[in-house]
């Protein structure tokens, strides 16, 4: 059974940082891409970043240069380091298996950027 569990969200001031974690169970990262997605209040869920089995990474335009995705295959974990956070980064962040057509989703972790 595939299960993804996010953690690391919270309340942070603009300009601050957070690191999100995604624990992946039931499959190995050697063969799967993992994506991070943001659902901002009142908006559709959008892909933020993706890392594939070759460690190739992609970022949405608004996050590029501020967010960094990484993975630890030994621990089956994927991380999203978020720096220089802005109020528009507020939302629920989900990790999912696959990037173009995600198949399994975590429950999400809330990120709130506010002074």
C-alpha atoms as a PDB file:
ATOM      1  CA  UNK A   1       0.000   0.000   0.000  1.00  0.00           C
ATOM      2  CA  UNK A   2       1.426   3.350  -1.062  1.00  0.00           C
ATOM      3  CA  UNK A   3       1.292   6.087   1.538  1.00  0.00           C
ATOM      4  CA  UNK A   4       2.819   9.560   1.610  1.00  0.00           C
ATOM      5  CA  UNK A   5       3.033  11.607   4.784  1.00  0.00           C
ATOM      6  CA  UNK A   6       3.945  15.290   4.757  1.00  0.00           C
ATOM      7  CA  UNK A   7       5.290  17.259   7.700  1.00  0.00           C
ATOM      8  CA  UNK A   8       7.099  20.492   8.460  1.00  0.00           C
ATOM      9  CA  UNK A   9       4.452  23.097   7.752  1.00  0.00           C
ATOM     10  CA  UNK A  10       3.685  25.985  10.047  1.00  0.00           C
ATOM     11  CA  UNK A  11       3.393  29.730  10.452  1.00  0.00           C
ATOM     12  CA  UNK A  12       6.342  31.802   9.309  1.00  0.00           C
ATOM     13  CA  UNK A  13       6.956  35.482   8.718  1.00  0.00           C
ATOM     14  CA  UNK A  14       7.640  36.819   5.222  1.00  0.00           C
ATOM     15  CA  UNK A  15      11.275  36.243   4.345  1.00  0.00           C
ATOM     16  CA  UNK A  16      11.473  33.191   6.572  1.00  0.00           C
ATOM     17  CA  UNK A  17      12.184  29.565   5.735  1.00  0.00           C
ATOM     18  CA  UNK A  18      10.595  26.180   6.196  1.00  0.00           C
ATOM     19  CA  UNK A  19      11.566  22.677   5.192  1.00  0.00           C
ATOM     20  CA  UNK A  20       8.814  20.279   4.274  1.00  0.00           C
ATOM     21  CA  UNK A  21       9.313  16.539   4.420  1.00  0.00           C
ATOM     22  CA  UNK A  22       7.507  13.772   2.586  1.00  0.00           C
ATOM     23  CA  UNK A  23       7.868  10.242   3.913  1.00  0.00           C
ATOM     24  CA  UNK A  24       7.118   7.724   1.177  1.00  0.00           C
ATOM     25  CA  UNK A  25       5.931   4.226   2.059  1.00  0.00           C
ATOM     26  CA  UNK A  26       5.139   1.301  -0.207  1.00  0.00           C
ATOM     27  CA  UNK A  27       7.443   2.144  -3.101  1.00  0.00           C
ATOM     28  CA  UNK A  28      11.076   3.048  -3.618  1.00  0.00           C
ATOM     29  CA  UNK A  29      12.213   6.405  -4.906  1.00  0.00           C
ATOM     30  CA  UNK A  30      14.657   4.668  -7.247  1.00  0.00           C
ATOM     31  CA  UNK A  31      11.826   4.230  -9.729  1.00  0.00           C
ATOM     32  CA  UNK A  32       9.400   7.076  -9.072  1.00  0.00           C
ATOM     33  CA  UNK A  33       9.222  10.808  -9.444  1.00  0.00           C
ATOM     34  CA  UNK A  34       7.796  12.808  -6.564  1.00  0.00           C
ATOM     35  CA  UNK A  35       6.156  16.166  -6.868  1.00  0.00           C
ATOM     36  CA  UNK A  36       5.240  18.913  -4.426  1.00  0.00           C
ATOM     37  CA  UNK A  37       2.000  20.774  -5.017  1.00  0.00           C
ATOM     38  CA  UNK A  38       0.492  23.901  -3.464  1.00  0.00           C
ATOM     39  CA  UNK A  39      -3.187  24.590  -2.983  1.00  0.00           C
ATOM     40  CA  UNK A  40      -3.539  28.251  -2.125  1.00  0.00           C
ATOM     41  CA  UNK A  41      -6.784  29.456  -0.511  1.00  0.00           C
ATOM     42  CA  UNK A  42      -9.541  29.561  -3.107  1.00  0.00           C
ATOM     43  CA  UNK A  43      -7.304  28.300  -5.903  1.00  0.00           C
ATOM     44  CA  UNK A  44      -6.630  25.118  -7.789  1.00  0.00           C
ATOM     45  CA  UNK A  45      -3.827  22.821  -6.722  1.00  0.00           C
ATOM     46  CA  UNK A  46      -0.651  23.616  -8.666  1.00  0.00           C
ATOM     47  CA  UNK A  47       2.629  21.855  -9.038  1.00  0.00           C
ATOM     48  CA  UNK A  48       5.508  23.567  -7.263  1.00  0.00           C
ATOM     49  CA  UNK A  49       8.414  21.259  -7.880  1.00  0.00           C
ATOM     50  CA  UNK A  50       9.313  17.779  -9.041  1.00  0.00           C
ATOM     51  CA  UNK A  51      12.245  15.408  -8.736  1.00  0.00           C
ATOM     52  CA  UNK A  52      12.560  12.270 -10.816  1.00  0.00           C
ATOM     53  CA  UNK A  53      14.438   9.001 -10.381  1.00  0.00           C
ATOM     54  CA  UNK A  54      17.492  10.536 -12.104  1.00  0.00           C
ATOM     55  CA  UNK A  55      17.518  13.455  -9.651  1.00  0.00           C
ATOM     56  CA  UNK A  56      16.408  15.874 -12.347  1.00  0.00           C
ATOM     57  CA  UNK A  57      14.410  18.720 -10.853  1.00  0.00           C
ATOM     58  CA  UNK A  58      11.803  21.179 -12.050  1.00  0.00           C
ATOM     59  CA  UNK A  59      10.286  24.248 -10.439  1.00  0.00           C
ATOM     60  CA  UNK A  60       7.363  26.511 -11.148  1.00  0.00           C
ATOM     61  CA  UNK A  61       8.389  29.992 -12.215  1.00  0.00           C
ATOM     62  CA  UNK A  62       7.336  31.747  -9.044  1.00  0.00           C
ATOM     63  CA  UNK A  63       9.272  29.328  -6.806  1.00  0.00           C
ATOM     64  CA  UNK A  64      12.448  28.977  -8.827  1.00  0.00           C
ATOM     65  CA  UNK A  65      15.477  30.280  -6.989  1.00  0.00           C
ATOM     66  CA  UNK A  66      13.708  30.193  -3.618  1.00  0.00           C
ATOM     67  CA  UNK A  67      12.641  26.549  -3.287  1.00  0.00           C
ATOM     68  CA  UNK A  68      14.854  23.477  -3.498  1.00  0.00           C
ATOM     69  CA  UNK A  69      13.622  19.916  -3.820  1.00  0.00           C
ATOM     70  CA  UNK A  70      15.814  17.022  -2.761  1.00  0.00           C
ATOM     71  CA  UNK A  71      15.506  13.395  -1.796  1.00  0.00           C
ATOM     72  CA  UNK A  72      17.176  10.805   0.378  1.00  0.00           C
ATOM     73  CA  UNK A  73      16.703   7.416  -1.234  1.00  0.00           C
ATOM     74  CA  UNK A  74      18.124   5.583   1.778  1.00  0.00           C
ATOM     75  CA  UNK A  75      15.345   7.026   3.952  1.00  0.00           C
ATOM     76  CA  UNK A  76      12.736   7.172   1.171  1.00  0.00           C
ATOM     77  CA  UNK A  77      12.185  10.834   1.950  1.00  0.00           C
ATOM     78  CA  UNK A  78      11.672  13.870  -0.257  1.00  0.00           C
ATOM     79  CA  UNK A  79      12.195  17.401   1.003  1.00  0.00           C
ATOM     80  CA  UNK A  80      11.203  20.880  -0.069  1.00  0.00           C
ATOM     81  CA  UNK A  81      13.381  23.644   1.317  1.00  0.00           C
ATOM     82  CA  UNK A  82      11.498  26.920   1.067  1.00  0.00           C
ATOM     83  CA  UNK A  83      13.395  30.171   1.530  1.00  0.00           C
ATOM     84  CA  UNK A  84      12.464  33.842   1.194  1.00  0.00           C
ATOM     85  CA  UNK A  85       8.847  32.927   1.783  1.00  0.00           C
ATOM     86  CA  UNK A  86       6.123  35.283   0.611  1.00  0.00           C
ATOM     87  CA  UNK A  87       2.472  35.600   1.619  1.00  0.00           C
ATOM     88  CA  UNK A  88       1.496  34.097  -1.739  1.00  0.00           C
ATOM     89  CA  UNK A  89       3.299  30.903  -0.756  1.00  0.00           C
ATOM     90  CA  UNK A  90       0.531  30.293   1.785  1.00  0.00           C
ATOM     91  CA  UNK A  91      -1.467  27.144   1.248  1.00  0.00           C
ATOM     92  CA  UNK A  92      -1.637  23.438   1.817  1.00  0.00           C
ATOM     93  CA  UNK A  93       1.354  21.616   0.417  1.00  0.00           C
ATOM     94  CA  UNK A  94       1.003  18.064  -0.820  1.00  0.00           C
ATOM     95  CA  UNK A  95       3.510  15.544  -2.054  1.00  0.00           C
ATOM     96  CA  UNK A  96       2.455  13.009  -4.651  1.00  0.00           C
ATOM     97  CA  UNK A  97       3.842  10.170  -6.686  1.00  0.00           C
ATOM     98  CA  UNK A  98       4.426  11.333 -10.230  1.00  0.00           C
ATOM     99  CA  UNK A  99       4.510  14.880 -11.488  1.00  0.00           C
ATOM    100  CA  UNK A 100       2.468  15.129 -14.673  1.00  0.00           C
ATOM    101  CA  UNK A 101      -0.273  12.742 -13.528  1.00  0.00           C
ATOM    102  CA  UNK A 102       0.021  12.125  -9.787  1.00  0.00           C
ATOM    103  CA  UNK A 103      -1.427   8.860  -8.591  1.00  0.00           C
ATOM    104  CA  UNK A 104      -1.042   8.894  -4.817  1.00  0.00           C
ATOM    105  CA  UNK A 105      -1.315  11.905  -2.547  1.00  0.00           C
ATOM    106  CA  UNK A 106      -0.413  12.707   1.016  1.00  0.00           C
ATOM    107  CA  UNK A 107      -2.796  14.432   3.394  1.00  0.00           C
ATOM    108  CA  UNK A 108      -1.047  17.792   3.085  1.00  0.00           C
ATOM    109  CA  UNK A 109       0.671  20.177   5.461  1.00  0.00           C
ATOM    110  CA  UNK A 110      -0.384  23.783   6.024  1.00  0.00           C
ATOM    111  CA  UNK A 111       2.058  26.595   5.331  1.00  0.00           C
ATOM    112  CA  UNK A 112       1.066  30.106   6.365  1.00  0.00           C
ATOM    113  CA  UNK A 113       3.276  33.073   5.574  1.00  0.00           C
ATOM    114  CA  UNK A 114       2.114  36.096   7.493  1.00  0.00           C
ATOM    115  CA  UNK A 115       3.414  38.852   9.719  1.00  0.00           C
END
